[in-house]
Protein backbone atom coordinates (compact mmCIF):
# COMPACT_ATOMS: atom_id res chain seq x y z
CA MET A 1 56.08 -19.32 -13.06
CA ARG A 2 54.74 -19.20 -9.52
CA ARG A 3 52.64 -16.22 -8.48
CA PRO A 4 54.36 -14.20 -5.73
CA ARG A 5 53.05 -15.12 -2.29
CA SER A 6 51.96 -11.54 -1.47
CA ARG A 7 49.87 -11.31 -4.67
CA SER A 8 48.32 -14.72 -3.98
CA LEU A 9 47.35 -13.65 -0.47
CA ARG A 10 45.81 -10.41 -1.72
CA TYR A 11 43.90 -12.36 -4.36
CA ARG A 12 42.48 -14.77 -1.77
CA LEU A 13 41.50 -11.91 0.54
CA ALA A 14 39.78 -10.03 -2.28
CA LEU A 15 37.97 -13.17 -3.39
CA GLY A 16 36.88 -13.88 0.16
CA MET A 17 35.55 -10.36 0.64
CA GLY A 18 33.68 -10.53 -2.67
CA LEU A 19 32.04 -13.82 -1.72
CA ALA A 20 31.14 -12.42 1.69
CA VAL A 21 29.35 -9.48 0.06
CA LEU A 22 27.55 -11.83 -2.35
CA PHE A 23 26.42 -14.15 0.45
CA ALA A 24 25.29 -11.19 2.56
CA ALA A 25 23.22 -9.82 -0.33
CA THR A 26 21.71 -13.25 -0.92
CA ALA A 27 20.88 -13.58 2.76
CA ARG A 28 19.18 -10.17 2.76
CA THR A 29 17.07 -11.21 -0.23
CA GLU A 30 16.09 -14.50 1.38
CA ASP A 31 15.37 -12.80 4.72
CA LYS A 32 13.08 -10.21 3.11
CA PRO A 33 9.56 -10.93 4.41
CA SER A 34 7.07 -12.14 1.83
CA CYS A 35 3.29 -12.04 1.80
CA LYS A 36 2.16 -15.42 3.12
CA ALA A 37 -1.60 -15.25 3.43
CA GLU A 38 -3.35 -18.35 4.78
CA THR A 39 -6.06 -19.96 2.65
CA PHE A 40 -9.34 -20.37 4.52
CA GLY A 41 -11.91 -21.17 1.84
CA THR A 42 -13.06 -21.25 -1.75
CA GLY A 43 -16.19 -20.32 -3.65
CA GLN A 44 -17.79 -19.82 -7.06
CA VAL A 45 -18.45 -16.19 -8.04
CA GLN A 46 -22.12 -15.78 -8.91
CA ALA A 47 -22.27 -11.98 -9.20
CA VAL A 48 -20.04 -8.90 -9.06
CA LEU A 49 -21.68 -6.19 -6.97
CA ASP A 50 -19.09 -3.44 -7.39
CA GLY A 51 -15.38 -2.98 -8.05
CA ARG A 52 -14.33 -4.84 -4.91
CA THR A 53 -17.34 -6.90 -3.84
CA VAL A 54 -18.64 -10.22 -5.16
CA ARG A 55 -21.38 -12.66 -4.19
CA LEU A 56 -20.61 -16.37 -4.15
CA ALA A 57 -22.93 -19.17 -5.21
CA ASP A 58 -23.34 -20.21 -1.56
CA GLY A 59 -24.73 -16.76 -0.69
CA ARG A 60 -21.63 -15.27 0.97
CA THR A 61 -20.62 -11.73 0.09
CA VAL A 62 -16.86 -11.23 -0.28
CA ARG A 63 -15.12 -7.88 0.05
CA LEU A 64 -11.67 -7.75 -1.56
CA ALA A 65 -9.20 -6.86 1.19
CA GLY A 66 -6.46 -4.28 0.83
CA ILE A 67 -7.81 -2.09 -1.99
CA GLU A 68 -9.93 1.02 -2.50
CA VAL A 69 -11.90 1.60 -5.69
CA SER A 70 -13.86 4.56 -7.06
CA GLN A 71 -17.34 5.14 -5.71
CA PRO A 72 -20.31 5.65 -8.07
CA ASP A 73 -20.70 9.32 -7.04
CA GLU A 74 -17.08 10.23 -7.72
CA ALA A 75 -15.52 12.08 -10.65
CA ASP A 76 -16.37 9.88 -13.61
CA SER A 77 -17.26 6.38 -14.81
CA ARG A 78 -14.18 4.71 -13.37
CA ALA A 79 -16.24 3.08 -10.63
CA ASN A 80 -18.06 1.24 -13.40
CA ASN A 81 -14.72 0.46 -15.06
CA ALA A 82 -13.53 -1.22 -11.86
CA LYS A 83 -16.70 -3.32 -11.70
CA LEU A 84 -16.33 -4.37 -15.34
CA ALA A 85 -12.67 -5.26 -14.80
CA LEU A 86 -13.55 -7.39 -11.78
CA GLU A 87 -16.34 -9.12 -13.72
CA HIS A 88 -13.87 -9.92 -16.49
CA LEU A 89 -11.50 -11.47 -13.94
CA VAL A 90 -13.79 -13.52 -11.71
CA PHE A 91 -17.40 -13.78 -12.91
CA ASP A 92 -18.64 -17.38 -12.89
CA ARG A 93 -15.20 -18.62 -11.82
CA PRO A 94 -13.96 -20.30 -8.63
CA ILE A 95 -11.77 -18.22 -6.33
CA THR A 96 -9.53 -19.08 -3.39
CA LEU A 97 -9.96 -16.95 -0.27
CA MET A 98 -6.88 -15.99 1.76
CA ARG A 99 -6.83 -14.28 5.14
CA LEU A 100 -5.53 -10.70 5.38
CA GLY A 101 -6.58 -9.36 8.76
CA PRO A 102 -10.07 -10.07 10.20
CA GLU A 103 -12.01 -12.68 8.25
CA THR A 104 -15.27 -10.69 8.28
CA ASP A 105 -16.26 -7.03 8.60
CA ARG A 106 -18.96 -5.40 10.72
CA HIS A 107 -21.49 -5.98 7.95
CA GLY A 108 -20.88 -9.74 8.00
CA ARG A 109 -19.08 -9.77 4.65
CA VAL A 110 -16.11 -12.07 4.16
CA VAL A 111 -12.91 -10.00 3.78
CA ALA A 112 -10.06 -11.70 1.92
CA LEU A 113 -7.36 -11.70 -0.66
CA ALA A 114 -8.78 -13.58 -3.63
CA ALA A 115 -6.96 -15.67 -6.21
CA LEU A 116 -7.96 -17.68 -9.23
CA PRO A 117 -6.81 -21.32 -9.09
CA SER A 118 -4.88 -20.84 -12.32
CA ALA A 119 -2.93 -17.87 -10.89
CA SER A 120 -2.68 -18.51 -7.17
CA SER A 121 0.56 -16.54 -6.89
CA GLN A 122 -1.12 -13.43 -8.33
CA THR A 123 -4.17 -12.26 -6.41
CA VAL A 124 -7.16 -10.54 -7.97
CA GLN A 125 -6.16 -7.47 -5.96
CA HIS A 126 -2.70 -7.40 -7.58
CA THR A 127 -4.26 -7.51 -11.04
CA MET A 128 -6.77 -4.75 -10.25
CA LEU A 129 -3.98 -2.55 -8.89
CA ALA A 130 -1.58 -3.20 -11.79
CA GLN A 131 -4.32 -2.30 -14.28
CA GLY A 132 -5.08 0.95 -12.44
CA HIS A 133 -8.60 0.01 -11.35
CA ALA A 134 -7.82 0.31 -7.62
CA ARG A 135 -5.50 1.89 -5.07
CA VAL A 136 -3.89 0.22 -2.06
CA ALA A 137 -6.02 0.77 1.05
CA ALA A 138 -4.81 2.42 4.25
CA ASN A 139 -5.24 -0.55 6.57
CA ILE A 140 -3.70 -3.76 5.25
CA GLY A 141 -2.78 -5.49 8.50
CA ASP A 142 0.35 -7.18 7.10
CA PHE A 143 3.44 -5.12 6.21
CA ALA A 144 4.86 -7.72 3.77
CA CYS A 145 1.55 -8.05 1.91
CA ALA A 146 1.25 -4.25 1.83
CA ALA A 147 4.67 -3.98 0.14
CA SER A 148 3.57 -6.46 -2.52
CA LEU A 149 0.32 -4.58 -3.19
CA LEU A 150 2.13 -1.23 -3.31
CA ALA A 151 4.51 -2.61 -5.94
CA ALA A 152 1.53 -3.56 -8.12
CA GLU A 153 0.00 -0.10 -7.67
CA LYS A 154 3.30 1.51 -8.64
CA THR A 155 3.15 -0.23 -12.03
CA ALA A 156 -0.13 1.48 -12.89
CA ARG A 157 0.87 4.80 -11.39
CA ALA A 158 4.10 4.92 -13.40
CA GLY A 159 2.20 4.13 -16.59
CA GLY A 160 -0.68 6.53 -15.92
CA LEU A 161 -3.17 3.68 -16.18
CA GLY A 162 -6.81 3.72 -15.14
CA LEU A 163 -7.39 5.94 -12.12
CA TRP A 164 -3.91 7.41 -12.44
CA ALA A 165 -4.83 9.00 -15.77
CA ASN A 166 -7.49 11.14 -14.06
CA PRO A 167 -6.47 14.38 -12.26
CA TYR A 168 -9.11 13.67 -9.59
CA TYR A 169 -7.22 10.59 -8.39
CA VAL A 170 -3.58 11.51 -8.94
CA MET A 171 -1.26 12.18 -6.03
CA ARG A 172 -2.29 15.16 -3.92
CA ASN A 173 0.47 17.65 -3.10
CA ALA A 174 1.00 18.22 0.63
CA GLU A 175 2.15 21.78 -0.20
CA ASP A 176 -1.34 22.51 -1.59
CA PRO A 177 -3.71 22.19 1.42
CA ALA A 178 -6.68 23.47 -0.58
CA GLY A 179 -6.10 20.76 -3.17
CA VAL A 180 -6.00 18.13 -0.45
CA LEU A 181 -9.20 19.47 1.15
CA ALA A 182 -10.93 19.20 -2.22
CA VAL A 183 -11.28 15.47 -1.50
CA ARG A 184 -12.24 15.84 2.17
CA GLY A 185 -14.09 12.81 3.45
CA ARG A 186 -12.62 10.60 0.75
CA PHE A 187 -9.66 8.27 0.38
CA ALA A 188 -6.57 9.92 -1.12
CA VAL A 189 -2.81 9.60 -1.53
CA VAL A 190 -0.81 12.67 -0.50
CA GLU A 191 2.87 13.27 -1.18
CA GLY A 192 5.29 15.85 0.20
CA LYS A 193 8.29 16.64 2.37
CA VAL A 194 7.99 16.27 6.15
CA LEU A 195 8.99 19.50 7.88
CA SER A 196 8.99 18.24 11.47
CA VAL A 197 7.74 15.51 13.80
CA ARG A 198 6.36 16.55 17.19
CA GLU A 199 4.72 14.78 20.09
CA ALA A 200 1.92 16.21 22.23
CA GLY A 201 0.12 14.10 24.80
CA SER A 202 -1.03 10.83 23.23
CA THR A 203 -0.50 11.97 19.63
CA ILE A 204 2.49 12.24 17.29
CA PHE A 205 2.21 14.97 14.67
CA VAL A 206 3.99 14.58 11.33
CA ASN A 207 3.94 18.14 10.00
CA PHE A 208 4.24 19.16 6.35
CA GLY A 209 4.05 22.89 7.09
CA ARG A 210 4.59 25.42 9.88
CA ARG A 211 0.93 26.23 10.54
CA TRP A 212 -1.13 23.31 11.79
CA SER A 213 -4.27 25.42 11.36
CA ASP A 214 -3.74 25.55 7.58
CA ASP A 215 -1.17 22.99 6.47
CA PHE A 216 -1.40 19.25 5.84
CA THR A 217 -0.64 17.06 8.88
CA VAL A 218 -0.51 13.35 9.62
CA THR A 219 -1.39 12.25 13.14
CA VAL A 220 -0.31 8.94 14.67
CA PRO A 221 -1.63 7.68 18.02
CA LYS A 222 1.33 7.37 20.39
CA ARG A 223 0.28 3.79 21.22
CA ASN A 224 0.91 2.83 17.58
CA GLU A 225 4.46 4.21 17.41
CA ARG A 226 6.07 0.85 18.21
CA SER A 227 4.51 -0.84 15.16
CA PHE A 228 5.99 1.86 12.88
CA THR A 229 9.44 1.38 14.41
CA ALA A 230 9.20 -2.42 14.09
CA ALA A 231 8.36 -2.01 10.39
CA GLY A 232 11.47 0.12 9.79
CA MET A 233 9.53 3.39 9.79
CA PRO A 234 10.66 5.27 12.94
CA LEU A 235 8.44 8.33 12.94
CA LYS A 236 10.93 10.76 14.42
CA LYS A 237 13.32 10.08 11.54
CA LEU A 238 10.78 11.17 8.93
CA ALA A 239 11.70 14.87 9.28
CA GLY A 240 13.29 16.01 6.03
CA GLN A 241 12.07 12.93 4.13
CA HIS A 242 9.86 13.02 1.06
CA VAL A 243 6.97 10.65 1.82
CA ARG A 244 3.71 9.35 0.41
CA VAL A 245 0.75 8.98 2.79
CA ARG A 246 -2.59 7.29 2.14
CA GLY A 247 -5.81 7.49 4.10
CA TRP A 248 -9.08 9.35 4.54
CA ILE A 249 -8.88 13.14 4.33
CA GLU A 250 -10.34 15.00 7.31
CA GLU A 251 -10.25 18.65 8.31
CA ARG A 252 -8.94 19.87 11.64
CA GLY A 253 -7.86 23.41 10.90
CA GLY A 254 -5.93 22.22 7.85
CA PRO A 255 -6.30 18.83 6.09
CA TRP A 256 -5.06 15.76 7.91
CA ILE A 257 -4.85 11.98 7.76
CA GLU A 258 -4.71 9.70 10.77
CA ALA A 259 -2.15 6.94 10.25
CA THR A 260 -2.56 3.88 12.44
CA ARG A 261 -0.57 1.40 10.34
CA PRO A 262 3.04 1.70 9.03
CA GLU A 263 2.02 0.71 5.51
CA GLN A 264 0.14 4.03 5.24
CA ILE A 265 3.48 5.86 4.88
CA GLU A 266 6.05 5.23 2.14
CA ILE A 267 9.41 6.87 1.64
CA ALA A 268 9.17 8.48 -1.80
CA GLU A 269 12.17 10.65 -2.64
CA ARG A 270 11.34 13.45 -5.02
CA GLY A 271 11.88 12.44 -8.62
CA HIS A 272 11.29 8.76 -7.89
CA ASP A 273 8.03 6.82 -8.12
């Protein structure tokens, strides 16, 4: 028995719409930027100097780009844990160096993403982050690579691994300015709800409280606003959002972080990691 024409037409329209949605979703996935760091060298690791620094057999010193690790004078032995973890990964092994921002720092050290030849799709940084031995740094220089590193960090944070098992390193609460100031002069990750976003002169103020003299604030140089917008992080739309901010804690009245790169700010709705 033939299907009525009207039902057949509705069926074709529904099928067409379903395929259109599927193709659109596929296109969005394929269009999503990925971290494509350019290889610029290789080397054999001769020594591990600390949790993010190695010396190669040819004498070069390599600083692992994109991560922060504990310092020896911080809360406990986790700085040594990071060094041991890095030794386990790379000591006496060849590594591939990939560019992520400037190739050297002001001290003449090579700065790079590093990968083992046997796991070129997974950098040493990703492994250190996923194991909880490091946190994603404030200045990555590549938004797609930052997203990949943040995903690795999230794995450890959700599992309470490594640094994330220690109250000294866990997320600081923007509603507790004194708690944020407790790590003044150090790298930290602060989470809270943005109350307002204001502009004054050459600075944009992302406010987490009503009193700038006491409450946590994030400042963004006005000249950097365009890069935040281009990365899908329009600053003026942050008001009312629950966000996670990473950077160095300073004191200007209350605690504050200067954000110069969009990857320093993540949308982090309350109740979600």
